[in-house]
């Protein structure tokens, strides 16, 4: 099911009676979510991603704009009539019910022509349970389950109605690191098997990039960039996106372009033909540094951390806007901890220039 958001806006009234300033949670959001894809809504806390999800679900009414499921305008429809499955951050399971009863609950609430015979409901419940691999736990109660198992019950309950759209609101945030990895892989598997259009809200960029077909990066209610995860990482539209994506985070410097060359401090580190002379903000991905005894970029060496297949070189530079520079280099590169400095050549496709005022990308 294709989902189309047209100029979607949500404004909350001010809680401060003196200032009276309204809070714009989502600002003129326009986006088309293709049928059968898994989309990650990504951004820091307070960026409007959960509010967007709740407007799609019908739990919150937009201040402006429209929402379409396929060709159907669902903007004014109640949540139960939209054909959505919603999984909350805290799972929201009924503690007094068994797993089977929790999964059956949405089907038992169907009315009129939608009401199903008991045997059909039971078959659907077991089918959903098998899909998330909890069919052996149907007689247990939520208190007898691990966090990952509770999460699977919540997903099965959302899937049992055969929704047109599946909505997941930070579904992994309550799980430990190992379970998060396992459960996100399960979510991807389930989505591929069912082919249901899925919208996944998270503040964890690693989660979003690992399982999403496309990611939507938001900041303060405003859409910043849309694209395939790797495309957005390799080609950020602005400094915010560049800084938000990537582990370790991008290294940021104050730089200047003079005569077609990029200067960091007094060092001309890269040719940037076609860029006018100006001051710039520079972002260099950690993997954009190549150790080179004759390299143009000279940094003060702080530490070398061996990480198996990679080496993390920690250094400092006068032009850096971060306390430390972290460079990820191949383990075959031999860098002595006793050296005072380390020299690098930069990979041009891992270096990004941004306007110092607008923070928009400057291409070269």
Protein backbone atom coordinates (compact mmCIF):
# COMPACT_ATOMS: atom_id res chain seq x y z
CA UNK A 1 0.00 0.00 0.00
CA UNK A 2 1.47 3.33 -1.10
CA UNK A 3 1.31 6.08 1.56
CA UNK A 4 1.36 9.71 0.46
CA UNK A 5 1.79 12.65 2.83
CA UNK A 6 0.89 16.05 1.35
CA UNK A 7 2.00 19.21 3.18
CA UNK A 8 1.45 17.47 6.50
CA UNK A 9 1.66 19.89 9.43
CA UNK A 10 1.09 19.52 13.16
CA UNK A 11 1.06 22.53 15.49
CA UNK A 12 0.59 22.17 19.24
CA UNK A 13 -0.70 25.10 21.31
CA UNK A 14 1.75 26.76 23.65
CA UNK A 15 1.89 25.59 27.27
CA UNK A 16 3.48 28.90 28.21
CA UNK A 17 0.62 31.39 28.58
CA UNK A 18 3.00 34.36 28.70
CA UNK A 19 4.83 33.71 25.44
CA UNK A 20 1.89 32.14 23.62
CA UNK A 21 4.25 30.62 21.05
CA UNK A 22 2.88 27.57 19.27
CA UNK A 23 5.04 24.47 18.82
CA UNK A 24 5.41 23.32 15.21
CA UNK A 25 6.09 19.59 15.60
CA UNK A 26 5.84 18.75 11.88
CA UNK A 27 6.23 21.46 9.27
CA UNK A 28 4.89 21.06 5.71
CA UNK A 29 6.01 17.42 5.36
CA UNK A 30 5.55 16.02 1.83
CA UNK A 31 6.67 12.51 0.99
CA UNK A 32 5.54 9.41 -0.92
CA UNK A 33 6.21 6.02 0.68
CA UNK A 34 6.31 3.35 -2.06
CA UNK A 35 4.21 0.21 -1.78
CA UNK A 36 5.83 -2.70 0.07
CA UNK A 37 8.89 -0.81 1.31
CA UNK A 38 10.35 -0.39 4.80
CA UNK A 39 10.93 3.29 5.54
CA UNK A 40 12.95 4.58 8.49
CA UNK A 41 11.87 7.92 10.01
CA UNK A 42 15.08 9.10 11.61
CA UNK A 43 16.10 12.04 13.74
CA UNK A 44 16.96 13.20 17.27
CA UNK A 45 14.39 13.39 20.05
CA UNK A 46 11.85 16.14 19.40
CA UNK A 47 12.29 16.16 15.61
CA UNK A 48 8.64 15.19 14.93
CA UNK A 49 9.09 11.60 13.75
CA UNK A 50 6.69 10.00 16.28
CA UNK A 51 4.17 12.79 15.72
CA UNK A 52 4.30 12.02 11.98
CA UNK A 53 3.72 8.34 12.72
CA UNK A 54 0.75 9.11 14.99
CA UNK A 55 -0.82 11.29 12.30
CA UNK A 56 -0.44 8.46 9.79
CA UNK A 57 -2.08 6.11 12.30
CA UNK A 58 -4.93 8.52 13.04
CA UNK A 59 -4.11 8.87 16.74
CA UNK A 60 -3.34 12.55 16.14
CA UNK A 61 -5.16 14.86 13.75
CA UNK A 62 -3.06 17.02 11.41
CA UNK A 63 -3.27 20.79 11.67
CA UNK A 64 -2.93 20.89 7.90
CA UNK A 65 -2.24 18.66 4.91
CA UNK A 66 -3.56 15.29 3.77
CA UNK A 67 -2.75 11.59 4.16
CA UNK A 68 -3.49 9.05 1.42
CA UNK A 69 -3.35 5.25 1.56
CA UNK A 70 -3.18 4.38 -2.11
CA UNK A 71 -5.84 6.62 -3.70
CA UNK A 72 -7.92 6.82 -0.50
CA UNK A 73 -7.87 10.04 1.51
CA UNK A 74 -7.69 8.79 5.12
CA UNK A 75 -6.98 12.16 6.76
CA UNK A 76 -10.30 12.21 8.61
CA UNK A 77 -10.67 8.45 9.14
CA UNK A 78 -10.49 7.02 12.67
CA UNK A 79 -7.54 4.69 13.43
CA UNK A 80 -9.67 1.53 13.44
CA UNK A 81 -10.89 2.27 9.91
CA UNK A 82 -7.48 2.94 8.36
CA UNK A 83 -6.25 -0.65 8.25
CA UNK A 84 -3.06 0.02 10.20
CA UNK A 85 -1.08 -2.11 12.64
CA UNK A 86 0.73 -0.12 15.33
CA UNK A 87 3.53 -1.33 17.60
CA UNK A 88 4.33 0.97 20.51
CA UNK A 89 7.69 1.55 22.18
CA UNK A 90 6.51 -0.12 25.44
CA UNK A 91 4.72 -3.01 23.63
CA UNK A 92 1.37 -2.25 25.43
CA UNK A 93 0.50 -5.90 26.04
CA UNK A 94 -2.37 -6.84 28.35
CA UNK A 95 -0.67 -8.40 31.40
CA UNK A 96 -3.66 -10.52 32.47
CA UNK A 97 -4.02 -12.14 29.05
CA UNK A 98 -1.97 -14.96 27.52
CA UNK A 99 0.04 -14.47 24.35
CA UNK A 100 -2.77 -16.09 22.35
CA UNK A 101 -5.40 -13.82 23.90
CA UNK A 102 -3.25 -10.73 23.24
CA UNK A 103 -2.87 -11.65 19.57
CA UNK A 104 -6.56 -12.53 19.20
CA UNK A 105 -7.77 -9.32 20.85
CA UNK A 106 -7.84 -7.09 17.70
CA UNK A 107 -9.82 -9.77 15.80
CA UNK A 108 -12.32 -10.23 18.63
CA UNK A 109 -13.13 -6.51 18.44
CA UNK A 110 -14.15 -6.63 14.79
CA UNK A 111 -17.83 -5.77 14.28
CA UNK A 112 -20.54 -6.46 11.73
CA UNK A 113 -19.47 -7.75 8.32
CA UNK A 114 -15.80 -7.75 9.39
CA UNK A 115 -16.42 -10.18 12.26
CA UNK A 116 -14.68 -13.54 11.77
CA UNK A 117 -15.61 -17.07 12.89
CA UNK A 118 -13.66 -18.34 15.91
CA UNK A 119 -11.75 -20.99 13.95
CA UNK A 120 -10.62 -18.39 11.38
CA UNK A 121 -9.49 -16.03 14.17
CA UNK A 122 -7.52 -18.82 15.82
CA UNK A 123 -5.91 -19.81 12.54
CA UNK A 124 -4.90 -16.20 11.90
CA UNK A 125 -3.46 -15.86 15.41
CA UNK A 126 -1.28 -18.96 15.03
CA UNK A 127 -0.20 -17.86 11.57
CA UNK A 128 0.95 -14.49 12.96
CA UNK A 129 2.67 -16.23 15.88
CA UNK A 130 4.52 -18.59 13.54
CA UNK A 131 5.65 -15.64 11.43
CA UNK A 132 7.37 -14.05 14.46
CA UNK A 133 8.42 -17.45 15.83
CA UNK A 134 6.50 -17.45 19.13
CA UNK A 135 3.91 -20.17 18.37
CA UNK A 136 5.31 -22.28 21.25
CA UNK A 137 4.64 -19.48 23.75
CA UNK A 138 0.91 -19.00 23.17
CA UNK A 139 -0.17 -20.03 26.68
CA UNK A 140 2.30 -17.83 28.55
CA UNK A 141 1.57 -14.39 29.97
CA UNK A 142 3.70 -11.31 29.16
CA UNK A 143 5.41 -11.41 32.58
CA UNK A 144 6.80 -14.84 31.68
CA UNK A 145 8.45 -13.56 28.48
CA UNK A 146 11.74 -11.83 27.76
CA UNK A 147 11.76 -8.32 26.28
CA UNK A 148 12.45 -9.67 22.81
CA UNK A 149 9.59 -12.17 23.09
CA UNK A 150 7.19 -9.44 24.26
CA UNK A 151 8.23 -7.38 21.25
CA UNK A 152 7.38 -10.29 18.94
CA UNK A 153 3.95 -10.63 20.57
CA UNK A 154 3.29 -6.93 19.93
CA UNK A 155 4.30 -7.33 16.28
CA UNK A 156 2.12 -10.46 15.89
CA UNK A 157 -0.84 -8.58 17.37
CA UNK A 158 -0.32 -5.78 14.84
CA UNK A 159 0.03 -8.24 11.93
CA UNK A 160 -2.96 -10.46 12.76
CA UNK A 161 -5.39 -7.93 11.28
CA UNK A 162 -3.49 -8.09 7.96
CA UNK A 163 -2.98 -4.31 7.99
CA UNK A 164 -2.44 -2.22 4.92
CA UNK A 165 0.35 -0.33 6.71
CA UNK A 166 2.52 -1.40 9.67
CA UNK A 167 3.75 1.37 11.98
CA UNK A 168 6.58 0.80 14.48
CA UNK A 169 7.35 3.49 17.08
CA UNK A 170 10.91 2.96 18.37
CA UNK A 171 10.19 -0.76 18.86
CA UNK A 172 13.74 -1.70 19.89
CA UNK A 173 14.57 1.00 22.42
CA UNK A 174 13.74 -1.15 25.47
CA UNK A 175 15.93 -4.09 24.39
CA UNK A 176 19.57 -4.76 25.22
CA UNK A 177 22.21 -4.43 22.49
CA UNK A 178 22.23 -8.09 21.44
CA UNK A 179 18.43 -8.35 21.33
CA UNK A 180 18.20 -5.11 19.38
CA UNK A 181 20.41 -6.57 16.66
CA UNK A 182 18.48 -9.83 16.54
CA UNK A 183 15.03 -8.19 16.62
CA UNK A 184 15.78 -5.64 13.91
CA UNK A 185 16.85 -8.49 11.64
CA UNK A 186 13.56 -10.22 12.47
CA UNK A 187 11.57 -7.08 11.64
CA UNK A 188 13.30 -6.93 8.25
CA UNK A 189 12.59 -10.62 7.61
CA UNK A 190 8.91 -10.26 8.57
CA UNK A 191 8.50 -7.18 6.40
CA UNK A 192 10.01 -8.94 3.39
CA UNK A 193 7.84 -12.03 3.90
CA UNK A 194 4.59 -10.08 4.27
CA UNK A 195 5.33 -7.28 1.79
CA UNK A 196 3.47 -4.83 4.06
CA UNK A 197 4.43 -1.17 3.72
CA UNK A 198 6.22 -0.47 7.01
CA UNK A 199 7.20 2.80 8.67
CA UNK A 200 9.82 2.46 11.39
CA UNK A 201 10.56 5.36 13.78
CA UNK A 202 13.95 5.47 15.49
CA UNK A 203 16.60 7.89 16.73
CA UNK A 204 19.29 5.22 16.19
CA UNK A 205 20.88 5.82 12.79
CA UNK A 206 22.55 2.41 12.76
CA UNK A 207 19.15 0.72 13.13
CA UNK A 208 17.57 2.81 10.40
CA UNK A 209 20.43 2.35 7.95
CA UNK A 210 20.70 -1.41 8.49
CA UNK A 211 17.10 -2.43 7.71
CA UNK A 212 15.43 0.41 5.79
CA UNK A 213 14.86 0.56 2.04
CA UNK A 214 14.81 4.34 2.42
CA UNK A 215 15.43 6.73 5.28
CA UNK A 216 13.81 10.08 5.99
CA UNK A 217 15.98 12.38 8.12
CA UNK A 218 14.10 15.00 10.15
CA UNK A 219 15.14 17.98 12.27
CA UNK A 220 12.76 20.17 14.29
CA UNK A 221 9.76 18.99 12.27
CA UNK A 222 11.38 19.72 8.92
CA UNK A 223 12.35 17.07 6.40
CA UNK A 224 16.10 17.29 5.74
CA UNK A 225 16.79 14.49 3.25
CA UNK A 226 15.23 11.35 1.77
CA UNK A 227 17.02 8.50 0.06
CA UNK A 228 18.54 5.05 0.25
CA UNK A 229 20.60 4.77 3.46
CA UNK A 230 23.97 4.47 1.73
CA UNK A 231 23.15 7.29 -0.71
CA UNK A 232 22.27 9.65 2.15
CA UNK A 233 25.46 8.69 4.01
CA UNK A 234 27.64 9.17 0.90
CA UNK A 235 25.92 12.36 -0.26
CA UNK A 236 24.53 14.38 2.69
CA UNK A 237 22.46 17.43 1.76
CA UNK A 238 23.65 19.51 4.71
CA UNK A 239 25.87 19.52 7.79
CA UNK A 240 23.11 18.23 10.08
CA UNK A 241 22.61 15.09 8.00
CA UNK A 242 26.37 14.56 7.68
CA UNK A 243 26.82 14.82 11.47
CA UNK A 244 23.78 12.71 12.33
CA UNK A 245 24.73 9.71 10.19
CA UNK A 246 27.85 7.69 10.80
CA UNK A 247 29.65 5.83 13.59
CA UNK A 248 32.17 7.15 14.56
CA UNK A 249 30.68 10.55 13.67
CA UNK A 250 32.07 12.74 10.93
CA UNK A 251 35.06 14.96 11.79
CA UNK A 252 34.24 18.66 11.40
CA UNK A 253 36.75 21.43 10.67
CA UNK A 254 36.84 25.15 10.01
CA UNK A 255 38.40 25.63 6.59
CA UNK A 256 38.96 28.06 3.76
CA UNK A 257 39.03 27.73 -0.01
CA UNK A 258 41.75 29.75 -1.75
CA UNK A 259 42.75 29.40 -5.39
CA UNK A 260 40.92 26.11 -5.87
CA UNK A 261 42.53 24.49 -2.83
CA UNK A 262 41.05 23.61 0.55
CA UNK A 263 43.04 24.89 3.51
CA UNK A 264 42.77 23.60 7.06
CA UNK A 265 44.80 26.14 8.97
CA UNK A 266 47.98 26.70 6.95
CA UNK A 267 47.83 23.32 5.23
CA UNK A 268 46.48 22.95 1.67
CA UNK A 269 44.95 19.49 2.03
CA UNK A 270 42.82 18.98 -1.11
CA UNK A 271 42.09 20.34 -4.59
CA UNK A 272 38.52 21.70 -4.79
CA UNK A 273 38.35 23.07 -8.32
CA UNK A 274 35.30 25.19 -9.09
CA UNK A 275 34.65 26.41 -5.54
CA UNK A 276 34.88 30.18 -5.03
CA UNK A 277 37.31 31.55 -2.46
CA UNK A 278 35.45 31.55 0.85
CA UNK A 279 35.42 30.26 4.40
CA UNK A 280 33.76 26.83 4.71
CA UNK A 281 32.84 24.18 7.23
CA UNK A 282 34.49 20.88 6.32
CA UNK A 283 33.29 17.37 7.14
CA UNK A 284 35.63 14.39 6.70
CA UNK A 285 34.35 10.86 7.29
CA UNK A 286 36.56 8.75 9.59
CA UNK A 287 37.32 6.39 6.69
CA UNK A 288 38.39 9.34 4.50
CA UNK A 289 41.94 9.48 5.93
CA UNK A 290 44.83 7.54 4.33
CA UNK A 291 48.09 7.45 6.33
CA UNK A 292 50.86 8.81 4.11
CA UNK A 293 54.37 9.83 5.20
CA UNK A 294 54.22 12.66 2.66
CA UNK A 295 50.53 13.51 3.10
CA UNK A 296 49.48 17.19 3.10
CA UNK A 297 47.42 16.99 6.33
CA UNK A 298 49.52 16.92 9.49
CA UNK A 299 47.86 16.09 12.83
CA UNK A 300 49.17 15.75 16.38
CA UNK A 301 48.97 12.06 17.28
CA UNK A 302 47.15 11.25 20.53
CA UNK A 303 46.54 7.50 20.43
CA UNK A 304 46.24 4.42 18.21
CA UNK A 305 43.46 1.96 19.04
CA UNK A 306 43.68 -1.53 17.53
CA UNK A 307 40.21 -2.87 16.67
CA UNK A 308 41.05 -6.12 14.87
CA UNK A 309 40.47 -5.55 11.17
CA UNK A 310 40.65 -1.76 11.59
CA UNK A 311 42.78 0.75 13.46
CA UNK A 312 41.36 3.91 15.01
CA UNK A 313 43.82 6.79 14.95
CA UNK A 314 43.01 9.52 17.47
CA UNK A 315 44.63 12.87 16.76
CA UNK A 316 44.23 16.64 17.04
CA UNK A 317 44.33 19.54 14.60
CA UNK A 318 44.16 23.29 15.17
CA UNK A 319 41.30 23.66 12.65
CA UNK A 320 39.18 20.85 14.12
CA UNK A 321 35.83 21.82 15.66
CA UNK A 322 35.82 18.53 17.58
CA UNK A 323 38.07 17.91 20.59
CA UNK A 324 39.56 14.94 18.76
CA UNK A 325 39.81 13.60 15.22
CA UNK A 326 39.01 9.92 14.80
CA UNK A 327 40.32 8.25 11.65
CA UNK A 328 39.55 4.63 10.74
CA UNK A 329 42.40 3.09 8.71
CA UNK A 330 43.34 -0.39 7.54
CA UNK A 331 45.04 -2.61 10.15
CA UNK A 332 47.92 -3.15 7.71
CA UNK A 333 48.91 0.50 8.19
CA UNK A 334 51.64 0.64 10.80
CA UNK A 335 51.48 3.80 12.91
CA UNK A 336 53.80 4.14 15.87
CA UNK A 337 52.21 5.43 19.07
CA UNK A 338 55.52 7.08 19.90
CA UNK A 339 55.33 9.46 16.91
CA UNK A 340 54.46 13.09 17.67
CA UNK A 341 52.51 13.59 14.44
CA UNK A 342 50.69 11.59 11.80
CA UNK A 343 50.24 12.63 8.16
CA UNK A 344 47.26 11.88 5.94
CA UNK A 345 46.13 12.10 2.33
CA UNK A 346 42.36 12.65 2.08
CA UNK A 347 39.89 10.70 -0.06
CA UNK A 348 38.02 13.42 -2.02
CA UNK A 349 34.66 11.54 -2.02
CA UNK A 350 34.78 11.39 1.79
CA UNK A 351 35.29 15.16 2.17
CA UNK A 352 32.25 17.46 2.23
CA UNK A 353 32.13 21.26 2.17
CA UNK A 354 29.30 23.25 3.77
CA UNK A 355 28.32 26.91 3.84
CA UNK A 356 29.29 28.38 7.22
CA UNK A 357 26.00 30.27 7.53
CA UNK A 358 23.32 28.03 6.01
CA UNK A 359 25.18 24.70 6.57
CA UNK A 360 24.02 23.63 3.08
CA UNK A 361 26.32 21.48 0.97
CA UNK A 362 28.84 23.06 -1.40
CA UNK A 363 29.64 20.61 -4.17
CA UNK A 364 32.98 20.32 -5.92
